[in-house]
C-alpha atoms as a PDB file:
ATOM      1  CA  MET A   1     125.960 121.417  76.703  1.00  0.00           C
ATOM      2  CA  SER A   2     127.142 118.951  79.420  1.00  0.00           C
ATOM      3  CA  GLY A   3     125.220 115.994  78.072  1.00  0.00           C
ATOM      4  CA  ARG A   4     123.133 115.763  81.209  1.00  0.00           C
ATOM      5  CA  THR A   5     119.320 115.519  81.047  1.00  0.00           C
ATOM      6  CA  GLN A   6     116.934 117.550  83.056  1.00  0.00           C
ATOM      7  CA  THR A   7     114.944 114.751  84.132  1.00  0.00           C
ATOM      8  CA  SER A   8     115.494 112.961  87.348  1.00  0.00           C
ATOM      9  CA  ALA A   9     116.152 109.192  87.442  1.00  0.00           C
ATOM     10  CA  CYS A  10     113.195 107.121  88.605  1.00  0.00           C
ATOM     11  CA  PRO A  11     114.117 103.920  90.577  1.00  0.00           C
ATOM     12  CA  GLU A  12     113.128 100.686  89.009  1.00  0.00           C
ATOM     13  CA  ARG A  13     112.411  97.251  90.416  1.00  0.00           C
ATOM     14  CA  THR A  14     111.428  93.856  88.994  1.00  0.00           C
ATOM     15  CA  CYS A  15     108.144  92.294  89.599  1.00  0.00           C
ATOM     16  CA  VAL A  16     108.826  88.926  91.102  1.00  0.00           C
ATOM     17  CA  GLY A  17     105.567  87.438  89.149  1.00  0.00           C
ATOM     18  CA  CYS A  18     106.090  88.552  85.582  1.00  0.00           C
ATOM     19  CA  ARG A  19     109.803  89.463  85.921  1.00  0.00           C
ATOM     20  CA  GLU A  20     109.215  92.977  84.208  1.00  0.00           C
ATOM     21  CA  ARG A  21     110.901  95.843  85.215  1.00  0.00           C
ATOM     22  CA  ALA A  22     108.755  98.830  86.252  1.00  0.00           C
ATOM     23  CA  ALA A  23     108.911 102.165  88.164  1.00  0.00           C
ATOM     24  CA  LYS A  24     109.087 101.434  91.994  1.00  0.00           C
ATOM     25  CA  THR A  25     105.958 103.584  92.365  1.00  0.00           C
ATOM     26  CA  ASP A  26     103.928 101.304  90.079  1.00  0.00           C
ATOM     27  CA  LEU A  27     104.714  98.129  92.137  1.00  0.00           C
ATOM     28  CA  LEU A  28     103.637  96.876  95.443  1.00  0.00           C
ATOM     29  CA  ARG A  29     106.175  96.084  98.086  1.00  0.00           C
ATOM     30  CA  ILE A  30     105.947  92.763  99.830  1.00  0.00           C
ATOM     31  CA  VAL A  31     107.585  91.937 103.165  1.00  0.00           C
ATOM     32  CA  MET A  32     107.649  88.749 105.413  1.00  0.00           C
ATOM     33  CA  THR A  33     106.297  88.808 108.753  1.00  0.00           C
ATOM     34  CA  GLY A  34     106.569  85.536 110.501  1.00  0.00           C
ATOM     35  CA  GLU A  35     105.507  82.808 108.009  1.00  0.00           C
ATOM     36  CA  SER A  36     103.211  85.154 106.052  1.00  0.00           C
ATOM     37  CA  CYS A  37     103.614  87.932 103.309  1.00  0.00           C
ATOM     38  CA  VAL A  38     101.957  91.266 103.970  1.00  0.00           C
ATOM     39  CA  PRO A  39     101.626  94.243 101.648  1.00  0.00           C
ATOM     40  CA  ASP A  40     103.761  97.343 102.473  1.00  0.00           C
ATOM     41  CA  ASP A  41     102.044 100.076 100.475  1.00  0.00           C
ATOM     42  CA  ARG A  42     104.023 102.961 102.251  1.00  0.00           C
ATOM     43  CA  GLY A  43     107.343 101.130 101.866  1.00  0.00           C
ATOM     44  CA  THR A  44     108.288 101.600 105.507  1.00  0.00           C
ATOM     45  CA  LEU A  45     108.139  98.257 106.999  1.00  0.00           C
ATOM     46  CA  PRO A  46     111.596  96.897 108.230  1.00  0.00           C
ATOM     47  CA  GLY A  47     113.294  93.892 106.394  1.00  0.00           C
ATOM     48  CA  ARG A  48     113.924  92.535 102.935  1.00  0.00           C
ATOM     49  CA  GLY A  49     111.264  93.559 100.291  1.00  0.00           C
ATOM     50  CA  ALA A  50     109.900  91.920  97.144  1.00  0.00           C
ATOM     51  CA  TYR A  51     108.003  93.937  94.496  1.00  0.00           C
ATOM     52  CA  VAL A  52     105.169  92.775  92.561  1.00  0.00           C
ATOM     53  CA  HIS A  53     102.497  94.474  90.248  1.00  0.00           C
ATOM     54  CA  PRO A  54      99.197  95.022  92.240  1.00  0.00           C
ATOM     55  CA  ALA A  55      97.453  92.425  90.078  1.00  0.00           C
ATOM     56  CA  LEU A  56      96.209  89.071  90.765  1.00  0.00           C
ATOM     57  CA  VAL A  57      97.859  87.664  87.695  1.00  0.00           C
ATOM     58  CA  CYS A  58     101.331  88.739  88.790  1.00  0.00           C
ATOM     59  CA  ILE A  59     100.599  87.406  92.494  1.00  0.00           C
ATOM     60  CA  ASP A  60      99.327  84.176  91.165  1.00  0.00           C
ATOM     61  CA  LEU A  61     102.484  83.867  88.906  1.00  0.00           C
ATOM     62  CA  ALA A  62     104.842  84.592  91.811  1.00  0.00           C
ATOM     63  CA  VAL A  63     103.012  81.908  94.072  1.00  0.00           C
ATOM     64  CA  ARG A  64     103.285  79.299  91.327  1.00  0.00           C
ATOM     65  CA  ARG A  65     107.080  80.020  90.581  1.00  0.00           C
ATOM     66  CA  ARG A  66     107.855  80.026  94.208  1.00  0.00           C
ATOM     67  CA  ALA A  67     109.253  83.573  93.778  1.00  0.00           C
ATOM     68  CA  PHE A  68     108.320  84.823  97.408  1.00  0.00           C
ATOM     69  CA  PRO A  69     110.289  82.330  99.314  1.00  0.00           C
ATOM     70  CA  ARG A  70     113.179  82.800  96.830  1.00  0.00           C
ATOM     71  CA  ALA A  71     113.143  86.548  97.262  1.00  0.00           C
ATOM     72  CA  PHE A  72     112.972  86.380 101.070  1.00  0.00           C
ATOM     73  CA  LYS A  73     115.697  83.513 101.324  1.00  0.00           C
ATOM     74  CA  VAL A  74     113.463  81.277 103.149  1.00  0.00           C
ATOM     75  CA  LYS A  75     112.383  77.560 102.746  1.00  0.00           C
ATOM     76  CA  GLY A  76     108.860  76.364 102.281  1.00  0.00           C
ATOM     77  CA  PRO A  77     105.662  77.990 101.235  1.00  0.00           C
ATOM     78  CA  LEU A  78     104.608  81.391 102.585  1.00  0.00           C
ATOM     79  CA  ASP A  79     101.012  82.501 103.241  1.00  0.00           C
ATOM     80  CA  THR A  80     100.052  85.157 100.647  1.00  0.00           C
ATOM     81  CA  ALA A  81      96.336  85.641 101.655  1.00  0.00           C
ATOM     82  CA  ASP A  82      96.970  88.998 103.033  1.00  0.00           C
ATOM     83  CA  VAL A  83      98.586  90.174  99.799  1.00  0.00           C
ATOM     84  CA  ARG A  84      95.801  88.749  97.746  1.00  0.00           C
ATOM     85  CA  ARG A  85      93.013  90.309  99.938  1.00  0.00           C
ATOM     86  CA  TYR A  86      94.804  93.755  99.723  1.00  0.00           C
ATOM     87  CA  VAL A  87      94.865  93.704  95.811  1.00  0.00           C
ATOM     88  CA  GLU A  88      91.260  92.362  95.494  1.00  0.00           C
ATOM     89  CA  GLN A  89      90.122  95.312  97.724  1.00  0.00           C
ATOM     90  CA  ALA A  90      92.292  97.846  95.791  1.00  0.00           C
ATOM     91  CA  ALA A  91      90.955  96.665  92.352  1.00  0.00           C
ATOM     92  CA  PRO A  92      87.822  98.633  91.196  1.00  0.00           C
END
């Protein structure tokens, strides 16, 4: 045996809210457009992305910790209303 496993590696990312590592498919990618953050559910929008669990708890933690401006390397607060609205609509 060569020691290799048959399972393929799954990309992991860190949630900027709770700082837990999770599979990339379990997290929501957020990108910055202008002065606001928008959800990128398909992962195709251009630019730097930040990942967060699609839960209001993690979004609130990220806002409180000022994680979005730090992840996007900008100064000042960002508008996260679109992200919050997206998560609220997606929750059952």
